[in-house]
Amino acid sequence: AADGESQPGPRKFRITAYTGAAIRQGWAREPVIIDLAGMTLPPTVPIVMGHDYALGSILGQGVPSVQGGQLVVEGEILADSETARQALALAERGYQWQASVGADVGRHLKFNEDQATTVNGQTVTGPVRVVRASTLRETSFVTLGADRSTAISIAADAAEEIPMADTATKPTDEVA
């Protein structure tokens, strides 16, 4: 910033990172559902671009929680990188970012055709694979996510928000 100008502060965001829906993952033939009741949530998670963990892809960090049967992450974009500036500029112009979560899968069960189970408050019938135990590792801004109902909103300033897209998830270490 020029002399006398202050740098803008971190931008707050709210991400609906996973809605509890069935998703496709490369490691499973059948649709995958992550059981949010079995997901361990750390106090904070990194927010990165496209599941890339390089320094230039870090956007910020957030606090995960389960709200209304969905995985939500709220936090701030802290980075002042070219990637962060581009992500914010696209959002300001109305680009609808989607979200995806990266998780370590601890236990998953396959339910065959005509087998039913309850997950995330819904009864589902196979074929389906249910991740019963997992640990959230990160959440990503992505162009296309596996859960088409995710959403990201970024506060334009203290009083305004920019609504953003729908979608989330990836393979074993990028599940949700």
Protein backbone atom coordinates (compact mmCIF):
# COMPACT_ATOMS: atom_id res chain seq x y z
CA ALA A 1 0.00 0.00 0.00
CA ALA A 2 1.14 3.56 -0.70
CA ASP A 3 2.11 5.88 2.13
CA GLY A 4 -0.95 6.78 4.18
CA GLU A 5 -3.00 3.87 2.78
CA SER A 6 -3.74 0.87 4.93
CA GLN A 7 -3.60 -2.67 3.65
CA PRO A 8 -7.04 -4.29 3.59
CA GLY A 9 -7.48 -6.83 6.38
CA PRO A 10 -8.10 -10.54 5.95
CA ARG A 11 -11.31 -11.40 4.09
CA LYS A 12 -13.77 -13.60 6.00
CA PHE A 13 -15.37 -16.58 4.29
CA ARG A 14 -17.98 -19.25 4.90
CA ILE A 15 -17.70 -22.55 3.03
CA THR A 16 -20.34 -25.25 2.87
CA ALA A 17 -17.67 -27.86 2.24
CA TYR A 18 -19.78 -31.05 2.16
CA THR A 19 -23.55 -31.52 2.26
CA GLY A 20 -23.67 -35.22 3.16
CA ALA A 21 -24.52 -36.21 -0.41
CA ALA A 22 -23.21 -39.20 -2.37
CA ILE A 23 -20.09 -38.33 -4.35
CA ARG A 24 -17.81 -40.07 -6.83
CA GLN A 25 -14.24 -40.90 -5.83
CA GLY A 26 -11.50 -42.51 -7.88
CA TRP A 27 -10.81 -45.14 -5.21
CA ALA A 28 -14.36 -46.58 -5.16
CA ARG A 29 -16.56 -48.04 -7.90
CA GLU A 30 -19.74 -47.12 -6.07
CA PRO A 31 -20.85 -43.67 -4.84
CA VAL A 32 -19.25 -42.59 -1.55
CA ILE A 33 -20.96 -40.91 1.40
CA ILE A 34 -18.92 -39.43 4.24
CA ASP A 35 -20.60 -39.96 7.61
CA LEU A 36 -20.23 -36.57 9.26
CA ALA A 37 -20.86 -38.14 12.69
CA GLY A 38 -17.66 -40.16 12.20
CA MET A 39 -15.50 -37.27 10.96
CA THR A 40 -12.91 -35.90 13.39
CA LEU A 41 -12.70 -32.13 13.06
CA PRO A 42 -9.46 -30.43 14.11
CA PRO A 43 -9.66 -26.95 15.71
CA THR A 44 -8.55 -25.33 12.41
CA VAL A 45 -7.90 -26.53 8.86
CA PRO A 46 -5.86 -25.00 6.05
CA ILE A 47 -7.74 -23.55 3.09
CA VAL A 48 -5.85 -24.19 -0.15
CA MET A 49 -6.35 -23.94 -3.88
CA GLY A 50 -7.21 -27.22 -5.60
CA HIS A 51 -5.78 -29.63 -2.99
CA ASP A 52 -2.30 -28.18 -3.67
CA TYR A 53 -0.26 -27.95 -0.48
CA ALA A 54 2.58 -25.79 -1.86
CA LEU A 55 3.18 -22.46 -0.12
CA GLY A 56 1.80 -20.48 -3.08
CA SER A 57 -1.52 -22.36 -2.91
CA ILE A 58 -2.31 -21.55 0.71
CA LEU A 59 -5.28 -19.19 0.93
CA GLY A 60 -5.98 -19.11 4.67
CA GLN A 61 -7.45 -21.18 7.47
CA GLY A 62 -10.82 -21.88 8.98
CA VAL A 63 -12.72 -23.49 11.82
CA PRO A 64 -14.76 -26.55 10.77
CA SER A 65 -18.10 -27.55 12.27
CA VAL A 66 -21.16 -29.62 11.41
CA GLN A 67 -24.22 -27.39 11.06
CA GLY A 68 -27.61 -28.63 9.93
CA GLY A 69 -26.14 -31.90 8.66
CA GLN A 70 -23.47 -30.14 6.55
CA LEU A 71 -19.75 -29.58 6.99
CA VAL A 72 -19.13 -25.84 7.25
CA VAL A 73 -15.77 -24.06 7.48
CA GLU A 74 -15.58 -20.41 8.54
CA GLY A 75 -12.38 -18.39 8.57
CA GLU A 76 -10.24 -15.85 6.82
CA ILE A 77 -8.20 -15.59 3.65
CA LEU A 78 -4.81 -14.66 5.06
CA ALA A 79 -2.53 -15.03 2.04
CA ASP A 80 -1.24 -12.16 -0.06
CA SER A 81 -0.13 -14.37 -2.94
CA GLU A 82 -0.91 -14.19 -6.64
CA THR A 83 -3.18 -17.23 -6.20
CA ALA A 84 -5.13 -15.56 -3.36
CA ARG A 85 -5.45 -12.29 -5.33
CA GLN A 86 -6.73 -14.16 -8.40
CA ALA A 87 -9.24 -16.20 -6.34
CA LEU A 88 -10.57 -13.02 -4.71
CA ALA A 89 -10.69 -11.10 -8.00
CA LEU A 90 -12.70 -13.88 -9.64
CA ALA A 91 -15.10 -13.97 -6.68
CA GLU A 92 -15.55 -10.21 -6.81
CA ARG A 93 -16.51 -10.54 -10.48
CA GLY A 94 -19.12 -13.16 -9.60
CA TYR A 95 -17.22 -16.40 -10.20
CA GLN A 96 -18.93 -19.26 -8.35
CA TRP A 97 -16.15 -21.23 -6.62
CA GLN A 98 -16.95 -24.75 -5.49
CA ALA A 99 -15.42 -26.52 -2.50
CA SER A 100 -13.79 -29.86 -1.84
CA VAL A 101 -12.50 -31.42 1.33
CA GLY A 102 -9.36 -33.44 1.91
CA ALA A 103 -9.74 -36.11 4.58
CA ASP A 104 -7.89 -39.16 5.84
CA VAL A 105 -10.20 -42.17 5.63
CA GLY A 106 -10.00 -44.39 8.71
CA ARG A 107 -12.81 -46.86 7.98
CA HIS A 108 -15.28 -47.37 5.17
CA LEU A 109 -17.98 -49.98 4.54
CA LYS A 110 -19.45 -51.18 1.28
CA PHE A 111 -23.20 -51.74 1.10
CA ASN A 112 -24.29 -53.95 -1.81
CA GLU A 113 -27.43 -53.66 -3.87
CA ASP A 114 -30.56 -53.97 -1.69
CA GLN A 115 -28.57 -53.37 1.54
CA ALA A 116 -29.67 -50.26 3.45
CA THR A 117 -27.96 -48.09 6.06
CA THR A 118 -28.52 -44.76 7.73
CA VAL A 119 -25.94 -42.04 7.22
CA ASN A 120 -26.18 -38.29 7.83
CA GLY A 121 -29.79 -38.72 8.91
CA GLN A 122 -30.84 -40.39 5.65
CA THR A 123 -31.53 -44.02 4.81
CA VAL A 124 -29.62 -45.05 1.68
CA THR A 125 -29.66 -48.27 -0.30
CA GLY A 126 -26.58 -49.75 -1.98
CA PRO A 127 -24.55 -50.00 -3.92
CA VAL A 128 -22.80 -47.34 -1.84
CA ARG A 129 -19.62 -47.00 0.19
CA VAL A 130 -19.94 -45.17 3.52
CA VAL A 131 -16.89 -43.59 5.15
CA ARG A 132 -17.66 -44.21 8.83
CA ALA A 133 -14.41 -42.79 10.27
CA SER A 134 -12.32 -39.97 8.82
CA THR A 135 -10.28 -36.94 9.82
CA LEU A 136 -10.65 -33.62 8.03
CA ARG A 137 -7.25 -32.37 6.82
CA GLU A 138 -8.05 -29.39 4.57
CA THR A 139 -10.67 -27.65 2.47
CA SER A 140 -10.03 -26.44 -1.06
CA PHE A 141 -11.36 -23.86 -3.45
CA VAL A 142 -11.95 -25.83 -6.69
CA THR A 143 -13.37 -25.24 -10.13
CA LEU A 144 -15.48 -28.42 -9.99
CA GLY A 145 -16.14 -30.40 -6.83
CA ALA A 146 -17.65 -33.83 -6.37
CA ASP A 147 -20.51 -32.57 -4.16
CA ARG A 148 -22.40 -30.24 -6.48
CA SER A 149 -24.17 -28.49 -3.59
CA THR A 150 -21.21 -26.92 -1.82
CA ALA A 151 -20.95 -23.15 -1.63
CA ILE A 152 -18.35 -20.52 -0.82
CA SER A 153 -19.11 -16.95 0.18
CA ILE A 154 -16.45 -14.33 0.80
CA ALA A 155 -17.16 -11.10 2.65
CA ALA A 156 -16.46 -8.12 0.42
CA ASP A 157 -16.06 -6.02 3.56
CA ALA A 158 -17.30 -6.14 7.13
CA ALA A 159 -20.96 -5.88 6.09
CA GLU A 160 -21.21 -7.46 2.64
CA GLU A 161 -20.88 -11.01 1.29
CA ILE A 162 -20.37 -12.33 -2.22
CA PRO A 163 -22.34 -15.58 -2.71
CA MET A 164 -20.40 -18.30 -4.48
CA ALA A 165 -21.02 -21.79 -5.94
CA ASP A 166 -22.06 -25.34 -5.23
CA THR A 167 -19.90 -28.54 -4.96
CA ALA A 168 -17.24 -30.61 -3.00
CA THR A 169 -14.79 -33.60 -2.64
CA LYS A 170 -11.95 -35.81 -3.90
CA PRO A 171 -10.17 -39.21 -3.52
CA THR A 172 -9.13 -40.93 -0.28
CA ASP A 173 -6.91 -38.15 1.01
CA GLU A 174 -9.26 -35.67 -0.63
CA VAL A 175 -12.59 -37.19 0.42
CA ALA A 176 -15.73 -35.18 1.09
